[in-house]
Amino acid sequence: MEEKRKFRRVPMDAHIEGEAGDVAYTAEARNISAGGMLIRTTHTLREGEAIRLRFELPGTGTKLAISGVVQHVSPGAYMGIRFTEISPQDFKLINDYVDAGD
C-alpha cells in the first residue's frame, strides 16, 4: 500500500483545548506531524469543519495555537486534523519534535 501522507507522524500524548465555532472543545492528541494531528475525542465534528487548537508540545514547555480543518472522522472516537494556519516558528518546533521521535 502506498503511503499518501506528506509528513511523517510520531506518537504524541497531549491535552488539546480549542474552539470549533463558538463551542469550547477538548481532546487528547495521539500523533502529530508538521501537517496535522490525530486527536481522540468523545464528540467528533464533521469533515471540513474548522477548529482552533491550543496545546503544549511535550518536552518543550512551548504552547502552540494552530488552526486546522477536520480531514477525516471516526465517529465518537478520532479526528484527523489538517493544519491550515501555523506560524513558521510552530512549524519548525513540530518538525524538530517529529525528527526527535526517530
N, C-alpha and C. Protein backbone atom coordinates (compact mmCIF):
# COMPACT_ATOMS: atom_id res chain seq x y z
N MET A 1 0.84 -1.18 0.00
CA MET A 1 0.00 0.00 0.00
C MET A 1 0.88 1.24 0.00
N GLU A 2 0.58 2.18 -0.85
CA GLU A 2 1.38 3.39 -0.99
C GLU A 2 1.02 4.38 0.11
N GLU A 3 2.04 4.97 0.75
CA GLU A 3 1.85 5.98 1.79
C GLU A 3 1.44 7.29 1.13
N LYS A 4 0.31 7.87 1.57
CA LYS A 4 -0.20 9.10 0.98
C LYS A 4 0.16 10.34 1.80
N ARG A 5 0.65 10.15 3.01
CA ARG A 5 0.96 11.29 3.86
C ARG A 5 2.17 12.05 3.36
N LYS A 6 2.06 13.36 3.44
CA LYS A 6 3.15 14.23 3.01
C LYS A 6 4.20 14.37 4.12
N PHE A 7 3.77 14.30 5.38
CA PHE A 7 4.66 14.47 6.51
C PHE A 7 4.67 13.21 7.38
N ARG A 8 5.84 12.89 7.92
CA ARG A 8 5.96 11.75 8.83
C ARG A 8 5.31 12.10 10.17
N ARG A 9 4.65 11.11 10.77
CA ARG A 9 3.98 11.30 12.06
C ARG A 9 4.70 10.53 13.15
N VAL A 10 4.58 11.07 14.37
CA VAL A 10 5.11 10.38 15.54
C VAL A 10 4.04 10.41 16.63
N PRO A 11 4.06 9.43 17.54
CA PRO A 11 3.10 9.43 18.64
C PRO A 11 3.26 10.68 19.50
N MET A 12 2.15 11.15 20.03
CA MET A 12 2.17 12.29 20.94
C MET A 12 1.00 12.16 21.89
N ASP A 13 1.26 12.40 23.16
CA ASP A 13 0.22 12.37 24.19
C ASP A 13 0.15 13.76 24.80
N ALA A 14 -0.90 14.50 24.47
CA ALA A 14 -1.05 15.87 24.98
C ALA A 14 -2.53 16.22 25.05
N HIS A 15 -2.86 17.05 26.02
CA HIS A 15 -4.23 17.56 26.17
C HIS A 15 -4.42 18.71 25.18
N ILE A 16 -5.53 18.68 24.47
CA ILE A 16 -5.85 19.71 23.48
C ILE A 16 -7.05 20.52 23.97
N GLU A 17 -6.96 21.82 23.87
CA GLU A 17 -8.09 22.71 24.09
C GLU A 17 -8.29 23.52 22.83
N GLY A 18 -9.48 24.00 22.65
CA GLY A 18 -9.71 24.83 21.48
C GLY A 18 -11.16 25.20 21.30
N GLU A 19 -11.45 25.67 20.10
CA GLU A 19 -12.80 26.05 19.75
C GLU A 19 -13.15 25.56 18.36
N ALA A 20 -14.38 25.16 18.23
CA ALA A 20 -14.96 24.84 16.92
C ALA A 20 -16.18 25.75 16.81
N GLY A 21 -16.06 26.81 16.01
CA GLY A 21 -17.10 27.84 16.01
C GLY A 21 -17.03 28.57 17.34
N ASP A 22 -18.16 28.67 18.04
CA ASP A 22 -18.19 29.32 19.34
C ASP A 22 -18.20 28.30 20.48
N VAL A 23 -17.96 27.05 20.17
CA VAL A 23 -18.03 25.97 21.16
C VAL A 23 -16.64 25.58 21.64
N ALA A 24 -16.45 25.57 22.97
CA ALA A 24 -15.19 25.12 23.54
C ALA A 24 -15.03 23.63 23.27
N TYR A 25 -13.79 23.20 23.11
CA TYR A 25 -13.52 21.83 22.69
C TYR A 25 -12.32 21.29 23.45
N THR A 26 -12.39 20.01 23.88
CA THR A 26 -11.24 19.35 24.48
C THR A 26 -11.04 18.00 23.82
N ALA A 27 -9.80 17.55 23.79
CA ALA A 27 -9.46 16.27 23.17
C ALA A 27 -8.08 15.85 23.65
N GLU A 28 -7.65 14.68 23.24
CA GLU A 28 -6.31 14.19 23.54
C GLU A 28 -5.61 13.88 22.22
N ALA A 29 -4.39 14.38 22.07
CA ALA A 29 -3.60 14.12 20.87
C ALA A 29 -3.06 12.70 20.92
N ARG A 30 -3.02 12.03 19.77
CA ARG A 30 -2.47 10.69 19.66
C ARG A 30 -1.22 10.63 18.78
N ASN A 31 -1.18 11.49 17.73
CA ASN A 31 0.05 11.61 16.94
C ASN A 31 0.06 12.97 16.27
N ILE A 32 1.25 13.34 15.77
CA ILE A 32 1.40 14.67 15.18
C ILE A 32 2.42 14.61 14.04
N SER A 33 2.23 15.50 13.08
CA SER A 33 3.21 15.75 12.02
C SER A 33 3.21 17.26 11.81
N ALA A 34 4.09 17.75 10.96
CA ALA A 34 4.10 19.17 10.66
C ALA A 34 2.85 19.60 9.90
N GLY A 35 2.11 18.64 9.35
CA GLY A 35 0.91 18.96 8.58
C GLY A 35 -0.40 18.74 9.29
N GLY A 36 -0.37 18.07 10.46
CA GLY A 36 -1.62 17.81 11.15
C GLY A 36 -1.44 16.89 12.34
N MET A 37 -2.58 16.48 12.91
CA MET A 37 -2.53 15.60 14.07
C MET A 37 -3.79 14.75 14.15
N LEU A 38 -3.67 13.64 14.86
CA LEU A 38 -4.80 12.78 15.15
C LEU A 38 -5.18 13.02 16.59
N ILE A 39 -6.48 13.31 16.83
CA ILE A 39 -6.94 13.53 18.18
C ILE A 39 -8.07 12.56 18.52
N ARG A 40 -8.12 12.20 19.80
CA ARG A 40 -9.18 11.34 20.31
C ARG A 40 -10.15 12.20 21.09
N THR A 41 -11.44 12.00 20.83
CA THR A 41 -12.48 12.81 21.45
C THR A 41 -13.77 12.03 21.55
N THR A 42 -14.63 12.44 22.44
CA THR A 42 -15.94 11.79 22.54
C THR A 42 -16.97 12.50 21.67
N HIS A 43 -16.63 13.69 21.18
CA HIS A 43 -17.54 14.46 20.34
C HIS A 43 -16.82 14.84 19.05
N THR A 44 -17.07 14.11 17.99
CA THR A 44 -16.42 14.41 16.72
C THR A 44 -17.18 15.49 15.97
N LEU A 45 -16.45 16.20 15.14
CA LEU A 45 -17.04 17.19 14.25
C LEU A 45 -17.22 16.57 12.88
N ARG A 46 -17.79 17.32 11.97
CA ARG A 46 -17.94 16.85 10.60
C ARG A 46 -16.69 17.18 9.79
N GLU A 47 -16.39 16.34 8.81
CA GLU A 47 -15.28 16.62 7.90
C GLU A 47 -15.47 18.00 7.28
N GLY A 48 -14.39 18.75 7.20
CA GLY A 48 -14.43 20.09 6.62
C GLY A 48 -14.65 21.19 7.64
N GLU A 49 -15.03 20.85 8.88
CA GLU A 49 -15.24 21.88 9.90
C GLU A 49 -13.91 22.43 10.40
N ALA A 50 -13.90 23.72 10.67
CA ALA A 50 -12.71 24.39 11.17
C ALA A 50 -12.62 24.23 12.68
N ILE A 51 -11.39 24.15 13.18
CA ILE A 51 -11.16 24.04 14.62
C ILE A 51 -9.86 24.79 14.95
N ARG A 52 -9.87 25.46 16.06
CA ARG A 52 -8.67 26.16 16.56
C ARG A 52 -8.15 25.32 17.72
N LEU A 53 -6.86 24.97 17.70
CA LEU A 53 -6.27 24.09 18.70
C LEU A 53 -5.21 24.82 19.51
N ARG A 54 -5.18 24.53 20.81
CA ARG A 54 -4.12 25.02 21.69
C ARG A 54 -3.60 23.83 22.48
N PHE A 55 -2.27 23.68 22.51
CA PHE A 55 -1.68 22.56 23.25
C PHE A 55 -0.21 22.85 23.51
N GLU A 56 0.33 22.11 24.48
CA GLU A 56 1.75 22.21 24.77
C GLU A 56 2.45 21.05 24.10
N LEU A 57 3.49 21.35 23.36
CA LEU A 57 4.27 20.32 22.71
C LEU A 57 5.11 19.62 23.79
N PRO A 58 4.89 18.32 24.03
CA PRO A 58 5.56 17.62 25.13
C PRO A 58 7.08 17.81 25.12
N GLY A 59 7.59 18.04 26.31
CA GLY A 59 9.03 18.15 26.48
C GLY A 59 9.63 19.49 26.08
N THR A 60 8.80 20.41 25.58
CA THR A 60 9.32 21.70 25.13
C THR A 60 8.89 22.85 26.03
N GLY A 61 7.78 22.69 26.73
CA GLY A 61 7.23 23.79 27.53
C GLY A 61 6.63 24.88 26.67
N THR A 62 6.53 24.64 25.37
CA THR A 62 6.01 25.64 24.44
C THR A 62 4.56 25.37 24.12
N LYS A 63 3.74 26.40 24.27
CA LYS A 63 2.32 26.30 23.92
C LYS A 63 2.12 26.78 22.49
N LEU A 64 1.38 25.99 21.73
CA LEU A 64 1.12 26.32 20.34
C LEU A 64 -0.36 26.61 20.15
N ALA A 65 -0.66 27.50 19.22
CA ALA A 65 -2.04 27.80 18.83
C ALA A 65 -2.09 27.69 17.31
N ILE A 66 -2.87 26.71 16.84
CA ILE A 66 -2.87 26.38 15.41
C ILE A 66 -4.31 26.21 14.94
N SER A 67 -4.62 26.71 13.77
CA SER A 67 -5.93 26.49 13.16
C SER A 67 -5.86 25.28 12.25
N GLY A 68 -6.96 24.55 12.17
CA GLY A 68 -7.00 23.39 11.30
C GLY A 68 -8.39 23.11 10.80
N VAL A 69 -8.49 22.06 10.02
CA VAL A 69 -9.77 21.61 9.50
C VAL A 69 -9.84 20.10 9.68
N VAL A 70 -11.04 19.60 9.96
CA VAL A 70 -11.22 18.16 10.14
C VAL A 70 -11.08 17.50 8.77
N GLN A 71 -10.09 16.63 8.66
CA GLN A 71 -9.80 15.96 7.40
C GLN A 71 -10.53 14.62 7.29
N HIS A 72 -10.58 13.88 8.40
CA HIS A 72 -11.32 12.61 8.42
C HIS A 72 -11.80 12.33 9.83
N VAL A 73 -12.85 11.49 9.94
CA VAL A 73 -13.51 11.24 11.22
C VAL A 73 -13.80 9.77 11.40
N SER A 74 -13.57 9.29 12.62
CA SER A 74 -14.07 8.01 13.08
C SER A 74 -15.06 8.36 14.18
N PRO A 75 -16.38 8.39 13.89
CA PRO A 75 -17.38 8.95 14.80
C PRO A 75 -17.25 8.45 16.24
N GLY A 76 -17.30 9.42 17.16
CA GLY A 76 -17.23 9.12 18.57
C GLY A 76 -15.86 8.68 19.05
N ALA A 77 -14.84 8.83 18.22
CA ALA A 77 -13.53 8.33 18.62
C ALA A 77 -12.38 9.25 18.19
N TYR A 78 -12.11 9.35 16.89
CA TYR A 78 -10.92 10.06 16.41
C TYR A 78 -11.26 11.06 15.30
N MET A 79 -10.42 12.11 15.22
CA MET A 79 -10.49 13.05 14.11
C MET A 79 -9.08 13.33 13.63
N GLY A 80 -8.88 13.29 12.33
CA GLY A 80 -7.63 13.72 11.72
C GLY A 80 -7.76 15.18 11.39
N ILE A 81 -6.86 15.99 11.93
CA ILE A 81 -6.89 17.44 11.71
C ILE A 81 -5.73 17.82 10.80
N ARG A 82 -6.05 18.56 9.74
CA ARG A 82 -5.02 19.10 8.84
C ARG A 82 -4.81 20.55 9.24
N PHE A 83 -3.57 20.93 9.54
CA PHE A 83 -3.27 22.31 9.92
C PHE A 83 -3.47 23.22 8.71
N THR A 84 -4.15 24.34 8.94
CA THR A 84 -4.39 25.31 7.87
C THR A 84 -3.70 26.64 8.14
N GLU A 85 -3.48 26.96 9.42
CA GLU A 85 -2.76 28.19 9.79
C GLU A 85 -1.79 27.83 10.89
N ILE A 86 -0.50 27.90 10.56
CA ILE A 86 0.55 27.58 11.52
C ILE A 86 1.71 28.54 11.28
N SER A 87 2.22 29.11 12.35
CA SER A 87 3.33 30.06 12.21
C SER A 87 4.59 29.29 11.79
N PRO A 88 5.52 29.97 11.14
CA PRO A 88 6.78 29.32 10.78
C PRO A 88 7.52 28.77 12.02
N GLN A 89 7.43 29.48 13.15
CA GLN A 89 8.08 29.02 14.37
C GLN A 89 7.46 27.73 14.87
N ASP A 90 6.11 27.67 14.89
CA ASP A 90 5.43 26.46 15.34
C ASP A 90 5.68 25.29 14.39
N PHE A 91 5.72 25.57 13.10
CA PHE A 91 6.03 24.53 12.11
C PHE A 91 7.41 23.93 12.40
N LYS A 92 8.39 24.80 12.68
CA LYS A 92 9.74 24.32 12.98
C LYS A 92 9.77 23.52 14.28
N LEU A 93 9.07 23.99 15.31
CA LEU A 93 9.02 23.27 16.58
C LEU A 93 8.45 21.86 16.39
N ILE A 94 7.37 21.76 15.62
CA ILE A 94 6.76 20.45 15.39
C ILE A 94 7.70 19.58 14.56
N ASN A 95 8.32 20.14 13.53
CA ASN A 95 9.28 19.38 12.73
C ASN A 95 10.41 18.84 13.60
N ASP A 96 10.94 19.68 14.49
CA ASP A 96 12.02 19.24 15.39
C ASP A 96 11.52 18.14 16.31
N TYR A 97 10.28 18.26 16.82
CA TYR A 97 9.69 17.25 17.68
C TYR A 97 9.58 15.91 16.94
N VAL A 98 9.10 15.96 15.71
CA VAL A 98 8.95 14.75 14.89
C VAL A 98 10.32 14.14 14.62
N ASP A 99 11.30 14.97 14.27
CA ASP A 99 12.65 14.46 14.00
C ASP A 99 13.26 13.79 15.23
N ALA A 100 12.97 14.33 16.41
CA ALA A 100 13.50 13.76 17.66
C ALA A 100 12.82 12.42 17.99
N GLY A 101 11.68 12.16 17.34
CA GLY A 101 10.94 10.92 17.58
C GLY A 101 11.50 9.71 16.86
N ASP A 102 12.63 9.88 16.19
CA ASP A 102 13.27 8.75 15.46
C ASP A 102 13.73 7.67 16.39
